[in-house]
């Protein structure tokens, strides 16, 4: 699972991590691997309890390995026999609660790790970083005088100040309003790309992951089940878990016609994608995303509106076909249909993904 063809900057190689409780080892992470090139941003995405924060802690040096190894810039940081101390790793961490020092000014918070520099050099670096994160006018303020989004950017500037070889971000947007998270994730991506810092983000929010990361590892039960771009995770999921976890969609039953290489579903025929299809599988489930189903008043196929969620520019409709099969559809919000109303729909599925039928 490598994103770089040669000498990755960060290489997490088949690591196993666990905790010993009453002499019994409880393994949390099972043979997990991924790589990042210098300047790439990776994300570990998954539900609570999947092991993503444990991986981050292992990279930071807070957890030792049962097996495998972690290499950064060609230097081995951890293996089953030794764990380099966190302070020797050249790894910066932005914590979930930002961990700013309340009694220090914003400038002093940013410069906390720069005490070895001369006064002039330290001031120059602090000013450069405050400008980078858009807080030049706030250096003399204290953390309680800033908003949550501003505090998050101070924490980012402080972590970047020592110019780490790697930056780790542990659910950095979880304390912010939902509307603010994606915008700040985009801002953080721009900042990291400007300074060329390699980074790993941990989150449960796929919108954050899509906004910030070059490569995303969907985690389940202590392992990465797919390490890929956001586009491929959405349109080319490796298995049913990823298909169900990423985006909005449903599985619709289909019957395969191997001669025409098409699959027949209630809404019509679709070209058969070979992904997930095994020869001899006549009965499959087709992944239909909410953006695959188009509202079309001229269509001969109609569906009943059973639920609707207003999202500003669009509605997310839950629709029921004559068979009882439900679909999701994203429809521009000027099409405001009532629950129980029937509307015309058609398929516009550019990526057809099939899986063997689950009975």
Protein backbone atom coordinates (compact mmCIF):
# COMPACT_ATOMS: atom_id res chain seq x y z
CA UNK A 1 0.00 0.00 0.00
CA UNK A 2 2.48 2.63 -1.09
CA UNK A 3 1.76 6.03 -2.54
CA UNK A 4 5.35 6.58 -3.58
CA UNK A 5 7.21 4.31 -5.97
CA UNK A 6 10.66 4.77 -4.36
CA UNK A 7 12.00 5.70 -0.91
CA UNK A 8 8.85 7.10 0.70
CA UNK A 9 9.37 9.83 3.29
CA UNK A 10 7.11 8.07 5.80
CA UNK A 11 6.81 4.29 5.69
CA UNK A 12 4.57 2.42 8.13
CA UNK A 13 5.42 -1.22 7.50
CA UNK A 14 3.05 -4.00 8.67
CA UNK A 15 2.81 -2.64 12.22
CA UNK A 16 1.00 -4.41 15.03
CA UNK A 17 0.09 -2.46 18.16
CA UNK A 18 -1.69 -3.61 21.29
CA UNK A 19 -2.05 -3.36 25.05
CA UNK A 20 -1.28 -5.91 27.72
CA UNK A 21 -4.12 -6.36 30.22
CA UNK A 22 -3.62 -8.90 33.03
CA UNK A 23 -0.78 -10.61 31.11
CA UNK A 24 -2.96 -10.96 28.04
CA UNK A 25 -2.15 -9.02 24.85
CA UNK A 26 -5.08 -7.22 23.20
CA UNK A 27 -4.07 -6.35 19.67
CA UNK A 28 -5.61 -3.11 18.33
CA UNK A 29 -3.76 -2.67 15.01
CA UNK A 30 -3.15 -5.69 12.77
CA UNK A 31 -0.34 -5.62 10.16
CA UNK A 32 -1.11 -2.10 8.95
CA UNK A 33 0.96 -0.49 6.17
CA UNK A 34 1.01 2.76 4.23
CA UNK A 35 3.54 5.21 2.77
CA UNK A 36 3.70 8.92 2.01
CA UNK A 37 6.08 10.83 -0.23
CA UNK A 38 7.65 14.03 1.10
CA UNK A 39 5.03 16.80 1.11
CA UNK A 40 2.06 14.43 0.81
CA UNK A 41 -0.89 14.60 3.21
CA UNK A 42 -2.38 11.29 4.29
CA UNK A 43 -5.48 10.58 6.33
CA UNK A 44 -6.60 7.65 8.46
CA UNK A 45 -10.39 7.68 8.26
CA UNK A 46 -12.68 5.49 10.30
CA UNK A 47 -15.26 5.10 13.00
CA UNK A 48 -14.48 5.31 16.72
CA UNK A 49 -12.59 2.26 17.94
CA UNK A 50 -11.12 1.26 14.56
CA UNK A 51 -7.52 1.89 15.74
CA UNK A 52 -6.70 5.09 13.84
CA UNK A 53 -5.59 7.11 16.89
CA UNK A 54 -3.47 4.17 18.08
CA UNK A 55 -1.61 4.28 14.74
CA UNK A 56 -1.05 8.02 15.15
CA UNK A 57 0.28 7.51 18.68
CA UNK A 58 2.65 4.81 17.42
CA UNK A 59 4.01 7.15 14.75
CA UNK A 60 4.47 9.86 17.39
CA UNK A 61 6.35 7.42 19.65
CA UNK A 62 3.71 7.27 22.39
CA UNK A 63 3.04 3.56 21.73
CA UNK A 64 5.52 0.75 21.07
CA UNK A 65 5.14 -1.88 18.36
CA UNK A 66 4.52 -5.60 18.75
CA UNK A 67 5.80 -6.10 15.21
CA UNK A 68 6.63 -4.16 12.04
CA UNK A 69 8.51 -0.87 11.75
CA UNK A 70 8.07 2.85 11.18
CA UNK A 71 10.61 4.78 9.09
CA UNK A 72 10.77 8.55 8.56
CA UNK A 73 13.20 10.15 6.12
CA UNK A 74 15.20 6.91 5.98
CA UNK A 75 15.55 6.77 9.78
CA UNK A 76 13.92 3.85 11.59
CA UNK A 77 11.89 5.26 14.49
CA UNK A 78 10.19 2.13 15.81
CA UNK A 79 10.35 -1.62 15.55
CA UNK A 80 9.47 -4.52 17.85
CA UNK A 81 12.69 -4.05 19.86
CA UNK A 82 13.05 -0.29 20.23
CA UNK A 83 11.03 2.92 20.17
CA UNK A 84 12.76 6.28 19.66
CA UNK A 85 11.60 8.86 22.21
CA UNK A 86 8.93 11.27 20.92
CA UNK A 87 11.16 14.33 21.39
CA UNK A 88 13.87 12.85 19.13
CA UNK A 89 11.59 12.07 16.17
CA UNK A 90 11.21 15.49 14.55
CA UNK A 91 7.46 14.87 14.57
CA UNK A 92 4.99 17.63 15.40
CA UNK A 93 1.53 16.94 16.81
CA UNK A 94 -1.65 19.02 16.74
CA UNK A 95 -3.92 17.63 19.44
CA UNK A 96 -7.70 17.49 19.49
CA UNK A 97 -7.95 20.13 22.25
CA UNK A 98 -5.10 22.27 20.75
CA UNK A 99 -3.26 22.17 24.16
CA UNK A 100 -2.35 25.88 24.05
CA UNK A 101 -0.76 27.45 27.11
CA UNK A 102 -3.43 29.79 28.54
CA UNK A 103 -0.92 32.02 30.39
CA UNK A 104 1.20 32.66 27.26
CA UNK A 105 0.45 35.11 24.47
CA UNK A 106 -0.28 33.79 21.00
CA UNK A 107 3.22 34.78 19.88
CA UNK A 108 4.80 32.98 22.85
CA UNK A 109 2.67 29.90 22.22
CA UNK A 110 3.89 29.77 18.61
CA UNK A 111 7.49 30.31 19.69
CA UNK A 112 7.44 27.81 22.54
CA UNK A 113 9.58 25.27 20.66
CA UNK A 114 12.04 27.86 19.36
CA UNK A 115 13.91 28.67 22.58
CA UNK A 116 17.26 27.66 21.09
CA UNK A 117 17.06 30.47 18.52
CA UNK A 118 18.34 33.97 19.18
CA UNK A 119 15.78 36.61 20.06
CA UNK A 120 15.76 38.14 16.58
CA UNK A 121 15.59 34.78 14.80
CA UNK A 122 12.81 33.63 17.10
CA UNK A 123 10.76 36.79 16.54
CA UNK A 124 11.24 36.53 12.78
CA UNK A 125 10.07 32.90 12.72
CA UNK A 126 7.06 33.66 14.95
CA UNK A 127 5.99 36.57 12.74
CA UNK A 128 6.42 34.44 9.62
CA UNK A 129 4.22 31.68 11.04
CA UNK A 130 1.54 34.05 12.34
CA UNK A 131 1.38 35.57 8.88
CA UNK A 132 1.20 32.09 7.32
CA UNK A 133 -1.88 31.17 9.40
CA UNK A 134 -3.49 34.59 9.00
CA UNK A 135 -3.06 35.76 12.61
CA UNK A 136 -0.42 38.50 12.31
CA UNK A 137 -2.60 40.96 14.20
CA UNK A 138 -3.22 38.63 17.14
CA UNK A 139 0.28 37.93 18.48
CA UNK A 140 -0.22 39.84 21.74
CA UNK A 141 -3.59 38.27 22.54
CA UNK A 142 -4.15 35.20 24.74
CA UNK A 143 -5.84 31.93 23.71
CA UNK A 144 -9.14 32.71 25.49
CA UNK A 145 -9.48 35.84 23.34
CA UNK A 146 -9.55 33.84 20.10
CA UNK A 147 -12.26 31.76 18.46
CA UNK A 148 -11.97 27.98 18.19
CA UNK A 149 -10.88 28.21 14.57
CA UNK A 150 -8.21 30.77 15.42
CA UNK A 151 -6.93 28.63 18.31
CA UNK A 152 -6.69 25.69 15.92
CA UNK A 153 -4.49 27.75 13.59
CA UNK A 154 -2.28 28.82 16.53
CA UNK A 155 -1.81 25.14 17.42
CA UNK A 156 -0.89 24.45 13.80
CA UNK A 157 1.63 27.32 13.73
CA UNK A 158 3.21 26.12 17.00
CA UNK A 159 3.57 22.57 15.63
CA UNK A 160 5.12 23.86 12.40
CA UNK A 161 7.54 26.26 14.14
CA UNK A 162 10.38 23.71 14.70
CA UNK A 163 10.04 22.64 11.03
CA UNK A 164 9.19 18.99 11.77
CA UNK A 165 9.84 16.19 9.28
CA UNK A 166 6.25 15.05 9.83
CA UNK A 167 3.10 16.63 11.26
CA UNK A 168 0.39 14.56 12.95
CA UNK A 169 -3.13 15.96 13.38
CA UNK A 170 -5.40 14.15 15.84
CA UNK A 171 -9.06 15.03 15.07
CA UNK A 172 -8.02 18.72 14.94
CA UNK A 173 -11.43 20.03 13.85
CA UNK A 174 -13.69 17.98 16.14
CA UNK A 175 -14.27 20.85 18.60
CA UNK A 176 -15.41 23.22 15.85
CA UNK A 177 -18.84 23.87 14.38
CA UNK A 178 -19.71 21.53 11.52
CA UNK A 179 -19.97 24.41 9.02
CA UNK A 180 -16.45 25.55 9.92
CA UNK A 181 -14.68 22.19 9.71
CA UNK A 182 -14.45 21.71 5.95
CA UNK A 183 -13.42 25.34 5.34
CA UNK A 184 -10.67 25.12 7.95
CA UNK A 185 -9.54 21.76 6.60
CA UNK A 186 -9.06 23.41 3.20
CA UNK A 187 -7.13 26.28 4.83
CA UNK A 188 -4.89 23.81 6.69
CA UNK A 189 -4.21 21.94 3.46
CA UNK A 190 -3.17 25.19 1.76
CA UNK A 191 -0.81 26.01 4.66
CA UNK A 192 0.79 22.55 4.68
CA UNK A 193 1.26 22.60 0.92
CA UNK A 194 2.84 26.06 1.09
CA UNK A 195 5.49 24.91 3.56
CA UNK A 196 5.82 21.42 2.00
CA UNK A 197 5.17 19.53 5.24
CA UNK A 198 4.34 15.82 5.16
CA UNK A 199 1.31 15.19 7.37
CA UNK A 200 -1.04 12.49 8.67
CA UNK A 201 -4.55 13.38 9.77
CA UNK A 202 -6.84 11.19 11.87
CA UNK A 203 -10.58 11.78 11.56
CA UNK A 204 -13.98 10.12 11.51
CA UNK A 205 -15.35 12.79 9.14
CA UNK A 206 -15.03 11.95 5.45
CA UNK A 207 -15.68 15.56 4.39
CA UNK A 208 -12.60 16.65 6.36
CA UNK A 209 -10.60 13.80 4.85
CA UNK A 210 -11.67 14.74 1.30
CA UNK A 211 -10.86 18.43 1.91
CA UNK A 212 -7.33 17.95 3.24
CA UNK A 213 -5.77 14.65 2.16
CA UNK A 214 -3.96 13.46 -0.97
CA UNK A 215 -4.33 9.82 0.11
CA UNK A 216 -6.90 8.34 2.48
CA UNK A 217 -6.82 5.02 4.32
CA UNK A 218 -10.26 3.76 5.30
CA UNK A 219 -9.79 1.79 8.51
CA UNK A 220 -11.88 -1.03 9.92
CA UNK A 221 -11.08 -3.27 12.86
CA UNK A 222 -7.42 -2.26 13.14
CA UNK A 223 -6.54 -2.47 9.45
CA UNK A 224 -6.62 -0.29 6.34
CA UNK A 225 -9.17 -1.78 3.95
CA UNK A 226 -8.42 0.69 1.14
CA UNK A 227 -5.61 3.27 0.73
CA UNK A 228 -6.51 5.51 -2.16
CA UNK A 229 -7.56 8.93 -3.45
CA UNK A 230 -10.90 10.39 -2.37
CA UNK A 231 -12.16 9.99 -5.95
CA UNK A 232 -11.39 6.26 -6.06
CA UNK A 233 -12.80 5.63 -2.60
CA UNK A 234 -16.09 7.17 -3.75
CA UNK A 235 -16.29 5.78 -7.30
CA UNK A 236 -14.17 2.61 -7.04
CA UNK A 237 -14.61 1.21 -3.51
CA UNK A 238 -12.57 -1.96 -2.95
CA UNK A 239 -15.29 -3.75 -0.99
CA UNK A 240 -18.78 -3.38 0.44
CA UNK A 241 -17.53 -1.86 3.68
CA UNK A 242 -15.88 1.06 1.87
CA UNK A 243 -18.85 1.43 -0.49
CA UNK A 244 -21.21 1.66 2.47
CA UNK A 245 -18.96 3.89 4.61
CA UNK A 246 -18.03 6.49 1.97
CA UNK A 247 -20.65 8.81 0.53
CA UNK A 248 -24.39 8.31 0.24
CA UNK A 249 -25.78 5.31 -1.57
CA UNK A 250 -27.79 2.11 -1.52
CA UNK A 251 -27.35 -1.39 -2.90
CA UNK A 252 -29.88 -2.35 -5.58
CA UNK A 253 -30.35 -5.98 -6.63
CA UNK A 254 -29.44 -6.85 -10.21
CA UNK A 255 -29.35 -9.80 -12.59
CA UNK A 256 -26.33 -10.23 -14.84
CA UNK A 257 -26.60 -11.01 -18.55
CA UNK A 258 -23.07 -12.30 -19.31
CA UNK A 259 -23.68 -12.27 -23.09
CA UNK A 260 -24.42 -8.55 -23.29
CA UNK A 261 -22.17 -7.75 -20.31
CA UNK A 262 -25.00 -5.81 -18.76
CA UNK A 263 -26.83 -6.00 -15.48
CA UNK A 264 -30.57 -5.50 -15.21
CA UNK A 265 -31.97 -3.55 -12.27
CA UNK A 266 -35.43 -2.17 -11.67
CA UNK A 267 -34.53 1.16 -13.28
CA UNK A 268 -33.12 -0.39 -16.46
CA UNK A 269 -29.92 -1.92 -17.82
CA UNK A 270 -26.40 -0.84 -16.88
CA UNK A 271 -23.00 -1.84 -18.28
CA UNK A 272 -21.38 -4.35 -15.95
CA UNK A 273 -18.29 -3.12 -14.15
CA UNK A 274 -15.86 -6.00 -13.65
CA UNK A 275 -14.93 -4.71 -10.19
CA UNK A 276 -16.42 -7.01 -7.60
CA UNK A 277 -17.97 -9.30 -10.21
CA UNK A 278 -17.02 -12.95 -10.28
CA UNK A 279 -17.77 -15.14 -13.32
CA UNK A 280 -20.85 -17.18 -12.57
CA UNK A 281 -22.39 -14.51 -10.34
CA UNK A 282 -25.83 -14.06 -11.85
CA UNK A 283 -27.19 -12.17 -8.86
CA UNK A 284 -25.35 -9.01 -7.82
CA UNK A 285 -25.85 -5.86 -5.80
CA UNK A 286 -25.23 -2.57 -7.63
CA UNK A 287 -24.00 0.45 -5.71
CA UNK A 288 -26.18 3.43 -6.60
CA UNK A 289 -25.00 6.80 -5.29
CA UNK A 290 -27.36 9.68 -4.57
CA UNK A 291 -25.89 11.52 -7.57
CA UNK A 292 -26.57 8.55 -9.88
CA UNK A 293 -30.34 9.10 -9.61
CA UNK A 294 -31.57 12.14 -11.57
CA UNK A 295 -34.92 13.89 -11.13
CA UNK A 296 -36.55 13.92 -14.60
CA UNK A 297 -40.23 14.86 -15.04
CA UNK A 298 -40.16 13.37 -18.56
CA UNK A 299 -39.10 9.91 -17.37
CA UNK A 300 -41.53 7.00 -17.58
CA UNK A 301 -40.16 5.68 -14.26
CA UNK A 302 -41.47 7.27 -11.09
CA UNK A 303 -40.75 6.87 -7.39
CA UNK A 304 -42.47 7.97 -4.20
CA UNK A 305 -40.85 10.54 -1.91
CA UNK A 306 -40.69 8.88 1.53
CA UNK A 307 -38.17 11.21 3.25
CA UNK A 308 -36.53 14.53 2.48
CA UNK A 309 -33.67 16.47 4.04
CA UNK A 310 -33.13 20.12 3.08
CA UNK A 311 -29.45 20.93 2.50
CA UNK A 312 -29.63 24.47 1.20
CA UNK A 313 -28.74 24.13 -2.47
CA UNK A 314 -30.35 20.69 -2.69
CA UNK A 315 -32.68 18.18 -1.11
CA UNK A 316 -31.60 14.65 -0.24
CA UNK A 317 -34.67 12.61 -1.15
CA UNK A 318 -35.28 9.03 -0.08
CA UNK A 319 -37.38 7.49 -2.84
CA UNK A 320 -39.33 4.23 -3.02
CA UNK A 321 -39.81 2.30 -6.26
CA UNK A 322 -42.84 0.13 -7.06
CA UNK A 323 -41.05 -2.97 -5.69
CA UNK A 324 -40.35 -1.26 -2.36
CA UNK A 325 -36.64 -0.76 -3.20
CA UNK A 326 -35.41 2.54 -1.80
CA UNK A 327 -33.00 4.93 -3.50
CA UNK A 328 -31.33 8.21 -2.59
CA UNK A 329 -31.32 11.24 -4.88
CA UNK A 330 -29.76 14.70 -4.61
CA UNK A 331 -32.15 17.18 -6.24
CA UNK A 332 -31.78 20.98 -6.62
CA UNK A 333 -33.75 22.60 -3.83
CA UNK A 334 -36.12 24.52 -6.11
CA UNK A 335 -37.72 21.09 -6.72
CA UNK A 336 -39.59 20.98 -3.41
CA UNK A 337 -41.73 17.84 -3.46
CA UNK A 338 -44.04 16.67 -0.68
CA UNK A 339 -43.75 13.38 1.19
CA UNK A 340 -45.94 10.86 -0.63
CA UNK A 341 -45.60 12.63 -4.00
CA UNK A 342 -44.39 10.63 -7.01
CA UNK A 343 -41.60 12.12 -9.15
CA UNK A 344 -39.97 11.01 -12.40
CA UNK A 345 -36.42 9.66 -12.14
CA UNK A 346 -33.74 8.20 -14.39
CA UNK A 347 -30.27 6.75 -13.96
CA UNK A 348 -27.07 8.56 -14.90
CA UNK A 349 -24.44 6.21 -13.48
CA UNK A 350 -20.98 6.72 -14.98
CA UNK A 351 -19.29 4.33 -12.52
CA UNK A 352 -21.12 1.05 -12.06
CA UNK A 353 -19.79 -0.95 -9.12
CA UNK A 354 -21.14 -4.43 -8.43
CA UNK A 355 -20.73 -6.87 -5.56
CA UNK A 356 -21.86 -10.48 -5.18
CA UNK A 357 -25.40 -10.54 -3.82
CA UNK A 358 -25.78 -10.74 -0.06
CA UNK A 359 -28.97 -12.67 0.63
